[in-house]
N, C-alpha and C. Protein backbone atom coordinates (compact mmCIF):
# COMPACT_ATOMS: atom_id res chain seq x y z
N UNK A 1 226.06 -41.63 -28.15
CA UNK A 1 226.56 -40.11 -28.40
C UNK A 1 225.14 -39.40 -28.17
N UNK A 2 225.37 -38.32 -27.16
CA UNK A 2 224.24 -37.38 -27.04
C UNK A 2 224.29 -36.18 -27.91
N UNK A 3 223.31 -35.74 -28.74
CA UNK A 3 223.46 -34.65 -29.59
C UNK A 3 222.32 -33.71 -29.12
N UNK A 4 222.95 -32.71 -28.28
CA UNK A 4 221.94 -31.53 -28.00
C UNK A 4 222.27 -30.44 -28.80
N UNK A 5 223.09 -30.37 -29.83
CA UNK A 5 223.30 -29.12 -30.64
C UNK A 5 222.31 -29.21 -31.72
N UNK A 6 221.94 -30.42 -31.93
CA UNK A 6 220.80 -30.46 -33.13
C UNK A 6 219.35 -30.64 -32.57
N UNK A 7 218.51 -29.90 -32.95
CA UNK A 7 217.24 -29.98 -32.43
C UNK A 7 216.42 -31.39 -32.93
N UNK A 8 216.73 -31.48 -34.16
CA UNK A 8 215.84 -32.54 -34.66
C UNK A 8 217.13 -33.35 -35.59
N UNK A 9 216.68 -34.65 -35.57
CA UNK A 9 217.64 -35.61 -36.41
C UNK A 9 216.68 -36.29 -37.17
N UNK A 10 216.81 -36.36 -38.58
CA UNK A 10 215.81 -37.34 -39.34
C UNK A 10 216.64 -38.48 -39.83
N UNK A 11 215.83 -39.79 -39.76
CA UNK A 11 216.59 -40.79 -40.23
C UNK A 11 215.56 -41.65 -40.76
N UNK A 12 215.95 -42.71 -41.62
CA UNK A 12 214.85 -43.44 -42.34
C UNK A 12 214.78 -44.87 -41.54
N UNK A 13 213.62 -45.48 -41.36
CA UNK A 13 213.19 -46.70 -40.93
C UNK A 13 212.03 -47.31 -41.70
N UNK A 14 212.33 -48.23 -42.38
CA UNK A 14 211.34 -48.82 -43.22
C UNK A 14 210.53 -47.75 -44.09
N UNK A 15 211.63 -47.08 -44.82
CA UNK A 15 211.15 -46.15 -45.73
C UNK A 15 210.28 -45.19 -45.29
N UNK A 16 210.11 -44.87 -43.99
CA UNK A 16 209.51 -43.79 -43.35
C UNK A 16 210.47 -42.91 -42.57
N UNK A 17 210.50 -41.45 -43.07
CA UNK A 17 211.30 -40.52 -42.29
C UNK A 17 210.82 -40.25 -41.00
N UNK A 18 211.55 -40.49 -40.08
CA UNK A 18 210.99 -40.04 -38.74
C UNK A 18 211.86 -38.94 -38.01
N UNK A 19 211.23 -37.96 -37.46
CA UNK A 19 212.01 -36.87 -36.80
C UNK A 19 212.19 -36.99 -35.50
N UNK A 20 213.24 -37.04 -34.74
CA UNK A 20 213.41 -37.07 -33.28
C UNK A 20 214.10 -35.86 -32.88
N UNK A 21 213.80 -35.46 -31.55
CA UNK A 21 214.36 -34.54 -31.01
C UNK A 21 215.70 -34.79 -30.52
N UNK A 22 216.22 -34.06 -29.53
CA UNK A 22 217.73 -34.31 -28.93
C UNK A 22 217.65 -35.65 -27.89
N UNK A 23 218.13 -36.68 -28.20
CA UNK A 23 218.05 -37.83 -27.47
C UNK A 23 219.41 -38.51 -27.65
N UNK A 24 219.36 -39.77 -27.05
CA UNK A 24 220.63 -40.66 -27.18
C UNK A 24 220.62 -41.28 -28.52
N UNK A 25 221.32 -41.07 -29.23
CA UNK A 25 221.37 -41.91 -30.75
C UNK A 25 222.16 -42.93 -30.67
N UNK A 26 221.64 -44.01 -31.25
CA UNK A 26 222.42 -45.14 -31.54
C UNK A 26 222.87 -45.44 -32.80
N UNK A 27 224.18 -44.89 -32.77
CA UNK A 27 224.97 -44.92 -34.19
C UNK A 27 225.12 -46.36 -34.82
N UNK A 28 224.74 -47.37 -33.97
CA UNK A 28 225.23 -48.50 -34.80
C UNK A 28 223.87 -49.26 -35.59
N UNK A 29 222.77 -48.42 -35.49
CA UNK A 29 221.61 -48.74 -36.34
C UNK A 29 221.73 -48.39 -37.64
N UNK A 30 221.26 -49.11 -38.80
CA UNK A 30 221.34 -48.87 -39.82
C UNK A 30 220.54 -47.73 -40.15
N UNK A 31 219.74 -47.25 -39.38
CA UNK A 31 218.89 -46.15 -39.72
C UNK A 31 219.42 -44.79 -39.16
N UNK A 32 220.91 -44.86 -38.69
CA UNK A 32 221.41 -43.61 -38.27
C UNK A 32 221.65 -42.87 -39.45
N UNK A 33 221.58 -41.67 -39.56
CA UNK A 33 221.67 -40.76 -40.92
C UNK A 33 222.71 -41.33 -41.80
N UNK A 34 224.05 -41.41 -41.26
CA UNK A 34 225.20 -41.62 -42.17
C UNK A 34 225.00 -43.31 -42.81
N UNK A 35 224.12 -44.09 -42.24
CA UNK A 35 224.03 -45.51 -42.86
C UNK A 35 223.01 -45.51 -43.57
N UNK A 36 222.20 -44.28 -43.90
CA UNK A 36 221.07 -44.58 -44.77
C UNK A 36 221.48 -44.91 -46.24
N UNK A 37 222.40 -44.34 -46.79
CA UNK A 37 222.85 -44.76 -48.17
C UNK A 37 222.97 -46.19 -48.27
N UNK A 38 223.86 -46.91 -47.26
CA UNK A 38 224.00 -48.28 -47.26
C UNK A 38 222.66 -48.93 -46.91
N UNK A 39 221.64 -48.65 -46.23
CA UNK A 39 220.55 -49.20 -45.91
C UNK A 39 219.68 -48.97 -47.34
N UNK A 40 219.87 -47.86 -48.03
CA UNK A 40 219.04 -47.96 -49.50
C UNK A 40 219.43 -48.74 -50.35
N UNK A 41 220.81 -48.97 -50.51
CA UNK A 41 221.35 -49.83 -51.23
C UNK A 41 221.19 -51.23 -50.94
N UNK A 42 221.36 -51.74 -49.98
CA UNK A 42 221.05 -52.93 -49.51
C UNK A 42 219.49 -53.26 -49.81
N UNK A 43 218.61 -52.33 -49.87
CA UNK A 43 217.08 -52.52 -49.93
C UNK A 43 217.02 -52.66 -51.45
N UNK A 44 217.64 -51.86 -52.12
CA UNK A 44 217.58 -51.82 -53.58
C UNK A 44 218.30 -53.01 -54.33
N UNK A 45 219.17 -53.59 -53.76
CA UNK A 45 220.01 -54.73 -54.11
C UNK A 45 218.91 -55.92 -53.92
N UNK A 46 218.37 -56.16 -52.70
CA UNK A 46 217.38 -57.27 -52.35
C UNK A 46 216.17 -57.21 -53.29
N UNK A 47 215.71 -55.90 -53.89
CA UNK A 47 214.79 -55.81 -54.72
C UNK A 47 215.04 -56.37 -56.15
N UNK A 48 216.39 -56.18 -56.61
CA UNK A 48 216.86 -56.49 -57.78
C UNK A 48 217.06 -57.83 -57.92
N UNK A 49 217.28 -58.67 -56.83
CA UNK A 49 217.39 -60.14 -56.51
C UNK A 49 216.08 -60.67 -56.53
N UNK A 50 214.85 -60.06 -55.59
CA UNK A 50 213.51 -60.33 -56.05
C UNK A 50 213.26 -60.27 -57.35
N UNK A 51 213.25 -59.27 -58.12
CA UNK A 51 212.86 -59.36 -59.47
C UNK A 51 213.39 -60.36 -60.39
N UNK A 52 214.77 -60.72 -60.20
CA UNK A 52 215.01 -61.78 -60.84
C UNK A 52 214.51 -63.25 -60.80
N UNK A 53 214.10 -63.39 -59.39
CA UNK A 53 213.67 -64.54 -59.03
C UNK A 53 212.39 -64.59 -59.38
N UNK A 54 211.57 -63.46 -59.38
CA UNK A 54 210.10 -63.50 -59.65
C UNK A 54 210.06 -63.72 -61.40
N UNK A 55 211.07 -63.14 -62.09
CA UNK A 55 211.07 -63.33 -63.38
C UNK A 55 211.33 -64.72 -63.81
N UNK A 56 212.15 -65.55 -63.11
CA UNK A 56 212.33 -66.95 -63.38
C UNK A 56 211.09 -67.84 -63.06
N UNK A 57 210.56 -67.23 -61.82
CA UNK A 57 209.31 -68.16 -61.26
C UNK A 57 208.05 -67.93 -62.61
N UNK A 58 208.00 -66.64 -62.89
CA UNK A 58 206.62 -66.14 -63.71
C UNK A 58 206.68 -66.54 -65.05
N UNK A 59 208.13 -66.89 -65.41
CA UNK A 59 208.31 -67.22 -66.88
C UNK A 59 207.99 -68.40 -67.23
N UNK A 60 206.87 -68.66 -67.74
CA UNK A 60 206.41 -70.28 -68.42
C UNK A 60 207.39 -71.23 -68.91
N UNK A 61 208.41 -70.39 -69.88
CA UNK A 61 209.56 -71.18 -70.32
C UNK A 61 210.71 -71.54 -69.75
N UNK A 62 210.75 -70.75 -68.59
CA UNK A 62 211.83 -71.17 -67.68
C UNK A 62 211.61 -72.19 -66.87
N UNK A 63 212.30 -73.12 -66.71
CA UNK A 63 212.11 -74.13 -65.68
C UNK A 63 212.96 -74.10 -64.48
N UNK A 64 212.65 -74.72 -63.37
CA UNK A 64 213.46 -74.50 -62.37
C UNK A 64 214.90 -75.00 -62.37
N UNK A 65 215.10 -75.92 -63.36
CA UNK A 65 216.48 -76.41 -63.93
C UNK A 65 217.32 -75.55 -64.40
N UNK A 66 216.56 -74.72 -65.28
CA UNK A 66 217.20 -73.60 -65.88
C UNK A 66 217.56 -72.68 -64.93
N UNK A 67 216.68 -72.20 -63.93
CA UNK A 67 217.00 -71.26 -62.98
C UNK A 67 218.02 -71.73 -62.08
N UNK A 68 218.46 -72.64 -61.73
CA UNK A 68 219.17 -73.26 -61.00
C UNK A 68 220.66 -73.28 -61.80
N UNK A 69 220.38 -73.95 -62.92
CA UNK A 69 221.74 -73.85 -63.87
C UNK A 69 222.38 -72.57 -64.20
N UNK A 70 221.58 -71.70 -64.33
CA UNK A 70 221.93 -70.23 -64.65
C UNK A 70 222.50 -69.57 -63.64
N UNK A 71 221.86 -69.86 -62.27
CA UNK A 71 222.29 -69.21 -61.04
C UNK A 71 223.74 -69.80 -60.80
N UNK A 72 223.92 -71.20 -60.93
CA UNK A 72 225.16 -71.60 -60.63
C UNK A 72 226.21 -71.26 -61.41
N UNK A 73 225.81 -70.80 -62.85
CA UNK A 73 226.67 -70.46 -63.71
C UNK A 73 227.16 -68.87 -63.29
N UNK A 74 226.18 -68.15 -62.85
CA UNK A 74 226.58 -66.62 -62.60
C UNK A 74 227.38 -66.71 -61.62
N UNK A 75 227.22 -67.61 -60.33
CA UNK A 75 227.99 -67.59 -59.40
C UNK A 75 229.59 -68.05 -59.66
N UNK A 76 229.38 -69.06 -60.59
CA UNK A 76 230.92 -69.47 -61.08
C UNK A 76 231.64 -68.36 -61.91
N UNK A 77 230.91 -67.78 -62.50
CA UNK A 77 231.47 -66.50 -63.45
C UNK A 77 232.28 -65.46 -62.43
N UNK A 78 231.28 -65.12 -61.61
CA UNK A 78 231.90 -64.20 -60.43
C UNK A 78 232.94 -64.84 -59.63
N UNK A 79 233.19 -66.10 -59.49
CA UNK A 79 234.43 -66.72 -58.98
C UNK A 79 235.64 -66.45 -59.71
N UNK A 80 235.16 -66.71 -60.94
CA UNK A 80 236.48 -66.64 -61.86
C UNK A 80 236.87 -65.13 -62.28
N UNK A 81 235.97 -64.30 -62.39
CA UNK A 81 236.32 -62.83 -62.40
C UNK A 81 237.06 -62.24 -61.16
N UNK A 82 236.85 -62.66 -59.88
CA UNK A 82 237.20 -62.17 -58.82
C UNK A 82 238.70 -62.88 -58.70
N UNK A 83 238.80 -64.01 -59.02
CA UNK A 83 240.10 -64.75 -58.80
C UNK A 83 241.05 -64.17 -59.63
N UNK A 84 240.85 -63.57 -60.74
CA UNK A 84 241.76 -62.66 -61.61
C UNK A 84 242.25 -61.44 -60.93
N UNK A 85 241.33 -60.81 -60.13
CA UNK A 85 242.02 -59.75 -59.31
C UNK A 85 242.73 -60.31 -58.10
N UNK A 86 242.27 -61.31 -57.46
CA UNK A 86 243.02 -61.84 -56.36
C UNK A 86 244.58 -62.27 -56.96
N UNK A 87 244.62 -62.82 -58.12
CA UNK A 87 245.88 -63.18 -58.63
C UNK A 87 246.56 -61.95 -58.90
N UNK A 88 246.14 -60.91 -59.39
CA UNK A 88 246.76 -59.55 -59.64
C UNK A 88 247.20 -58.99 -58.41
N UNK A 89 246.36 -59.03 -57.46
CA UNK A 89 246.64 -58.38 -56.18
C UNK A 89 247.68 -59.10 -55.49
N UNK A 90 247.76 -60.49 -55.58
CA UNK A 90 248.79 -61.16 -54.89
C UNK A 90 249.91 -60.92 -55.36
N UNK A 91 249.98 -60.73 -57.11
CA UNK A 91 251.48 -60.43 -57.53
C UNK A 91 251.88 -59.05 -57.16
N UNK A 92 251.21 -58.22 -57.31
CA UNK A 92 251.40 -56.84 -56.62
C UNK A 92 251.97 -56.89 -55.34
N UNK A 93 251.20 -57.54 -54.26
CA UNK A 93 251.84 -57.86 -53.02
C UNK A 93 253.19 -58.49 -52.82
N UNK A 94 253.38 -59.52 -53.69
CA UNK A 94 254.79 -60.18 -53.74
C UNK A 94 255.87 -59.36 -54.36
N UNK A 95 255.42 -58.44 -55.16
CA UNK A 95 256.54 -57.51 -55.66
C UNK A 95 256.91 -56.32 -54.64
N UNK A 96 255.80 -55.83 -53.85
CA UNK A 96 256.19 -55.05 -52.90
C UNK A 96 256.91 -55.63 -51.81
N UNK A 97 256.59 -56.81 -51.33
CA UNK A 97 257.50 -57.51 -50.16
C UNK A 97 258.52 -58.06 -50.44
N UNK A 98 258.82 -58.53 -51.63
CA UNK A 98 259.84 -59.14 -52.14
C UNK A 98 260.61 -58.49 -53.00
N UNK A 99 261.48 -57.68 -52.78
CA UNK A 99 262.36 -56.62 -53.54
C UNK A 99 263.14 -57.65 -54.47
N UNK A 100 263.65 -58.77 -54.00
CA UNK A 100 264.54 -59.48 -54.79
C UNK A 100 263.94 -60.05 -56.13
N UNK A 101 262.52 -60.10 -56.17
CA UNK A 101 262.09 -60.77 -57.34
C UNK A 101 261.62 -59.70 -58.35
N UNK A 102 261.81 -58.38 -58.04
CA UNK A 102 261.55 -57.33 -58.96
C UNK A 102 262.44 -57.40 -60.19
N UNK A 103 261.89 -57.78 -61.34
CA UNK A 103 262.80 -57.67 -62.61
C UNK A 103 261.86 -57.13 -63.64
N UNK A 104 262.21 -56.03 -64.09
CA UNK A 104 261.32 -55.39 -65.18
C UNK A 104 262.05 -55.34 -66.45
């Protein structure tokens, strides 16, 4: 996409705002302006993960086995949580696609 209507386009790259003039803009880059929120969220999510890992590593009372066990439990909890939504979604889809089973 060539954008000659806008004299300057601002986008973030490695937390630095760069100003560019009219040029060929690669919309697939995470740094393209409309992708900035996604890039910022991805960066913030990674920082939250880093904080958790650092917390376990730096806590003298937390063992590697505790970290492993609690991480595994957290992932299992997520699986269980999302299975409920999968089951509910499947039931709704069944109702929509199979009119003969709708009984209220």
